[in-house]
Amino acid sequence: MKDAKRTGVEALAPEKAAEAAALAAICMADNSYYALLYQGYSRAEMISLMRVRIERTLAYCAAQKGLFGATAGGRLAAYEYMVDYRRLRDENGALFRAIFSYGEAAGETPPLREIKHTLSGLLDEGRRITYVLGCGVAPWARRSASVLAAMAHFNKGLLRSEDVIAADFSNRALLSLCSRHGPFEIKELSGDYWFFLRR
């Protein structure tokens, strides 16, 4: 995204992928949806599995200028990562399948067939889809007004600047935020999982 730095959120270099993956795994481990997916694993095992899986994706995103973060006190306080959906599908099929399919988890990922069908139709129309794969704030930074404001400002800019924005998420707080900010399509995929689309 252009001018991300103006918001207090900066593009992260590929060498920051491991740090961002460690934070992402911790954030996801506290999510009830992912706890269900990794049922049978200890919390430490769950974090380890997710960290390895996420780091590969984040390294790709960073190389494509799609990994962003906000820092506080010299530490990574928040992250967000995204891909050009068409480019990923056409140029890195293995990673595309790894992201938009089943993983190492004991359970299944969300019902992605319908998402793929919707997005394929938009690609056929020549649209450019930015797919936000994940975002989160470190537990210690969740009361930081500056970090939260930076991420909110960044995402408002993202919504204004990109052609199509898509995401799937399992965070009710995000659902509430999305519902208040514009004419978005939000579809429940399962009890605790939603698909978000702004076209």
Protein backbone atom coordinates (compact mmCIF):
# COMPACT_ATOMS: atom_id res chain seq x y z
CA MET A 1 0.00 0.00 0.00
CA LYS A 2 1.29 3.46 -0.89
CA ASP A 3 2.21 5.92 1.87
CA ALA A 4 1.76 3.39 4.68
CA LYS A 5 4.43 5.16 6.74
CA ARG A 6 2.25 8.25 7.12
CA THR A 7 -0.10 6.25 9.32
CA GLY A 8 2.59 5.02 11.74
CA VAL A 9 2.47 1.63 10.05
CA GLU A 10 5.47 0.66 7.94
CA ALA A 11 6.19 -2.00 5.34
CA LEU A 12 8.32 -4.73 6.93
CA ALA A 13 11.33 -6.26 5.18
CA PRO A 14 11.54 -10.05 4.61
CA GLU A 15 14.00 -10.41 7.50
CA LYS A 16 11.20 -9.27 9.83
CA ALA A 17 8.97 -12.18 8.78
CA ALA A 18 10.11 -14.42 11.65
CA GLU A 19 9.36 -11.76 14.28
CA ALA A 20 5.96 -11.06 12.75
CA ALA A 21 5.19 -14.80 12.54
CA ALA A 22 6.01 -15.25 16.23
CA LEU A 23 3.60 -12.44 17.14
CA ALA A 24 0.91 -13.74 14.77
CA ALA A 25 1.09 -17.24 16.27
CA ILE A 26 0.64 -15.84 19.79
CA CYS A 27 -2.33 -13.74 18.70
CA MET A 28 -3.94 -16.66 16.89
CA ALA A 29 -3.40 -19.04 19.80
CA ASP A 30 -5.82 -16.95 21.87
CA ASN A 31 -8.54 -17.21 19.22
CA SER A 32 -11.24 -19.79 19.93
CA TYR A 33 -11.60 -20.66 16.24
CA TYR A 34 -7.94 -21.64 15.90
CA ALA A 35 -8.03 -23.45 19.23
CA LEU A 36 -10.76 -25.63 17.73
CA LEU A 37 -8.76 -26.21 14.54
CA TYR A 38 -5.73 -27.31 16.55
CA GLN A 39 -7.74 -29.34 19.04
CA GLY A 40 -5.56 -31.99 20.65
CA TYR A 41 -2.40 -29.90 20.54
CA SER A 42 -0.99 -28.13 23.57
CA ARG A 43 -0.86 -24.33 23.37
CA ALA A 44 2.91 -24.47 22.89
CA GLU A 45 2.58 -27.03 20.07
CA MET A 46 -0.16 -24.96 18.47
CA ILE A 47 1.99 -21.80 18.53
CA SER A 48 4.97 -23.69 17.11
CA LEU A 49 2.96 -25.19 14.24
CA MET A 50 1.31 -21.90 13.37
CA ARG A 51 4.57 -19.97 13.54
CA VAL A 52 6.27 -22.24 11.01
CA ARG A 53 3.30 -22.16 8.66
CA ILE A 54 2.79 -18.41 8.92
CA GLU A 55 6.45 -17.47 8.50
CA ARG A 56 6.57 -18.84 4.95
CA THR A 57 3.51 -16.79 4.04
CA LEU A 58 4.86 -13.65 5.71
CA ALA A 59 8.19 -13.95 3.92
CA TYR A 60 6.31 -14.05 0.60
CA CYS A 61 4.13 -11.09 1.62
CA ALA A 62 7.17 -9.06 2.68
CA ALA A 63 8.93 -9.77 -0.62
CA GLN A 64 5.81 -8.51 -2.41
CA LYS A 65 5.56 -5.40 -0.16
CA GLY A 66 2.52 -6.82 1.58
CA LEU A 67 3.73 -7.16 5.20
CA PHE A 68 3.18 -4.18 7.49
CA GLY A 69 3.71 -3.45 11.15
CA ALA A 70 3.53 -0.83 13.88
CA THR A 71 6.17 -0.62 16.58
CA ALA A 72 6.09 0.68 20.14
CA GLY A 73 9.06 0.89 22.46
CA GLY A 74 11.27 -0.66 19.80
CA ARG A 75 9.12 -3.80 19.59
CA LEU A 76 6.71 -5.02 16.95
CA ALA A 77 3.31 -4.15 18.42
CA ALA A 78 0.98 -4.97 15.52
CA TYR A 79 1.11 -6.62 12.12
CA GLU A 80 -0.99 -7.00 8.99
CA TYR A 81 -0.26 -9.01 5.86
CA MET A 82 -1.88 -9.26 2.47
CA VAL A 83 -1.40 -10.58 -1.06
CA ASP A 84 -2.36 -9.76 -4.60
CA TYR A 85 -4.74 -12.70 -4.98
CA ARG A 86 -4.29 -13.13 -8.75
CA ARG A 87 -0.52 -12.86 -8.59
CA LEU A 88 -0.26 -15.41 -5.81
CA ARG A 89 -2.60 -17.83 -7.61
CA ASP A 90 -0.82 -17.51 -10.95
CA GLU A 91 2.82 -17.29 -9.83
CA ASN A 92 3.04 -19.41 -6.67
CA GLY A 93 0.50 -22.20 -6.85
CA ALA A 94 2.07 -24.18 -4.00
CA LEU A 95 1.80 -21.32 -1.53
CA PHE A 96 -1.68 -20.42 -2.82
CA ARG A 97 -2.86 -23.97 -2.10
CA ALA A 98 -1.16 -23.95 1.31
CA ILE A 99 -2.97 -20.74 2.29
CA PHE A 100 -6.37 -21.44 0.76
CA SER A 101 -6.74 -25.11 1.72
CA TYR A 102 -6.39 -27.46 4.64
CA GLY A 103 -3.36 -27.18 6.89
CA GLU A 104 -1.60 -29.26 9.51
CA ALA A 105 -4.43 -28.54 11.93
CA ALA A 106 -6.48 -31.39 13.32
CA GLY A 107 -9.66 -29.82 12.01
CA GLU A 108 -10.57 -28.05 8.77
CA THR A 109 -10.10 -24.48 7.63
CA PRO A 110 -13.17 -22.39 6.70
CA PRO A 111 -15.31 -23.38 3.69
CA LEU A 112 -13.11 -21.69 1.10
CA ARG A 113 -14.77 -23.09 -2.03
CA GLU A 114 -17.42 -20.38 -2.02
CA ILE A 115 -14.81 -17.67 -1.39
CA LYS A 116 -12.71 -18.89 -4.31
CA HIS A 117 -15.78 -18.96 -6.57
CA THR A 118 -16.66 -15.36 -5.70
CA LEU A 119 -13.11 -14.14 -6.19
CA SER A 120 -12.67 -16.03 -9.47
CA GLY A 121 -15.69 -14.16 -10.83
CA LEU A 122 -14.10 -10.84 -9.89
CA LEU A 123 -10.81 -11.85 -11.51
CA ASP A 124 -12.72 -12.73 -14.68
CA GLU A 125 -14.01 -9.14 -14.65
CA GLY A 126 -10.41 -7.90 -14.58
CA ARG A 127 -10.54 -6.72 -10.98
CA ARG A 128 -7.46 -6.54 -8.75
CA ILE A 129 -8.06 -8.26 -5.42
CA THR A 130 -6.03 -7.50 -2.32
CA TYR A 131 -6.63 -10.35 0.12
CA VAL A 132 -5.85 -9.48 3.74
CA LEU A 133 -4.63 -12.73 5.25
CA GLY A 134 -4.20 -11.63 8.83
CA CYS A 135 -3.71 -8.85 11.32
CA GLY A 136 -3.24 -8.60 15.04
CA VAL A 137 -1.99 -6.56 17.97
CA ALA A 138 0.42 -7.86 20.61
CA PRO A 139 -1.32 -8.59 23.94
CA TRP A 140 0.87 -6.00 25.70
CA ALA A 141 -0.08 -3.30 23.14
CA ARG A 142 -3.85 -3.76 23.07
CA ARG A 143 -4.42 -0.76 25.35
CA SER A 144 -2.07 1.47 23.37
CA ALA A 145 -4.16 4.22 21.80
CA SER A 146 -1.34 5.13 19.40
CA VAL A 147 -0.93 1.57 18.09
CA LEU A 148 -4.67 1.03 17.68
CA ALA A 149 -5.09 4.43 15.99
CA ALA A 150 -2.20 3.69 13.62
CA MET A 151 -3.73 0.38 12.54
CA ALA A 152 -7.19 1.91 12.14
CA HIS A 153 -5.80 4.77 10.03
CA PHE A 154 -3.79 2.33 7.93
CA ASN A 155 -6.86 0.22 7.17
CA LYS A 156 -9.01 3.21 6.28
CA GLY A 157 -6.35 4.15 3.74
CA LEU A 158 -6.22 0.58 2.47
CA LEU A 159 -9.97 0.55 1.88
CA ARG A 160 -9.74 3.82 -0.06
CA SER A 161 -6.75 2.89 -2.20
CA GLU A 162 -7.33 -0.71 -3.30
CA ASP A 163 -9.74 -1.95 -6.00
CA VAL A 164 -11.19 -4.98 -4.18
CA ILE A 165 -10.48 -5.92 -0.57
CA ALA A 166 -11.26 -9.41 0.69
CA ALA A 167 -10.57 -11.20 3.96
CA ASP A 168 -11.80 -14.02 6.12
CA PHE A 169 -11.66 -13.65 9.86
CA SER A 170 -12.76 -15.15 13.16
CA ASN A 171 -12.69 -12.11 15.43
CA ARG A 172 -16.02 -10.62 16.53
CA ALA A 173 -14.39 -7.27 17.28
CA LEU A 174 -13.29 -7.05 13.64
CA LEU A 175 -16.78 -8.01 12.54
CA SER A 176 -18.18 -5.13 14.57
CA LEU A 177 -15.65 -2.66 13.14
CA CYS A 178 -16.30 -3.77 9.56
CA SER A 179 -20.04 -3.51 10.03
CA ARG A 180 -19.72 0.17 10.98
CA HIS A 181 -17.46 1.32 8.16
CA GLY A 182 -19.06 1.26 4.77
CA PRO A 183 -21.05 -0.84 2.33
CA PHE A 184 -19.25 -4.14 2.81
CA GLU A 185 -20.46 -7.64 2.13
CA ILE A 186 -20.04 -9.80 5.22
CA LYS A 187 -21.06 -13.44 5.05
CA GLU A 188 -20.99 -15.91 7.91
CA LEU A 189 -19.07 -19.01 6.86
CA SER A 190 -19.54 -20.90 10.11
CA GLY A 191 -20.43 -20.14 13.70
CA ASP A 192 -17.30 -18.09 14.34
CA TYR A 193 -15.98 -17.32 10.87
CA TRP A 194 -16.85 -14.60 8.36
CA PHE A 195 -15.92 -13.55 4.83
CA PHE A 196 -15.49 -9.84 4.17
CA LEU A 197 -15.61 -8.24 0.72
CA ARG A 198 -15.49 -4.65 -0.47
CA ARG A 199 -15.81 -4.41 -4.25
